[in-house]
Amino acid sequence: MIELGMRPSVPKSGKLLQIVYACVRMRTEYEVKTKNS
C-alpha cells in the first residue's frame, strides 16, 4: 500500500498534491497581502 502511494504514475496522488500546493500558495499570498497592507 505504501508503494502505491509513493508511485508518481498514480493520477490521484498527483491531483491531490496540486490541490494542496494551490491551497498553500493562496494562503501564503493572502498572508503576504495582509502583512504588507
Protein backbone atom coordinates (compact mmCIF):
# COMPACT_ATOMS: atom_id res chain seq x y z
CA MET A 1 0.00 0.00 0.00
CA ILE A 2 2.87 2.37 0.80
CA GLU A 3 4.48 1.63 -2.56
CA LEU A 4 1.22 2.51 -4.33
CA GLY A 5 1.09 5.92 -2.66
CA MET A 6 4.73 6.63 -3.44
CA ARG A 7 4.34 5.77 -7.12
CA PRO A 8 4.24 9.05 -9.14
CA SER A 9 2.31 7.43 -12.00
CA VAL A 10 -0.85 7.48 -9.84
CA PRO A 11 -3.01 10.41 -11.07
CA LYS A 12 -4.97 10.69 -7.83
CA SER A 13 -1.93 11.49 -5.70
CA GLY A 14 -0.71 13.97 -8.31
CA LYS A 15 -4.03 15.82 -8.35
CA LEU A 16 -4.09 15.85 -4.54
CA LEU A 17 -0.59 17.35 -4.49
CA GLN A 18 -1.70 20.05 -6.93
CA ILE A 19 -4.69 20.94 -4.73
CA VAL A 20 -2.55 21.09 -1.58
CA TYR A 21 0.08 23.19 -3.38
CA ALA A 22 -2.59 25.58 -4.67
CA CYS A 23 -4.09 25.98 -1.18
CA VAL A 24 -0.69 26.64 0.39
CA ARG A 25 0.17 29.15 -2.34
CA MET A 26 -3.12 31.00 -1.92
CA ARG A 27 -2.67 31.08 1.85
CA THR A 28 0.89 32.40 1.63
CA GLU A 29 -0.20 35.09 -0.85
CA TYR A 30 -3.03 36.09 1.48
CA GLU A 31 -0.66 36.32 4.45
CA VAL A 32 1.80 38.44 2.45
CA LYS A 33 -1.00 40.78 1.38
CA THR A 34 -2.26 41.23 4.96
CA LYS A 35 1.28 41.87 6.22
CA ASN A 36 2.03 44.44 3.51
CA SER A 37 -1.18 46.43 3.96
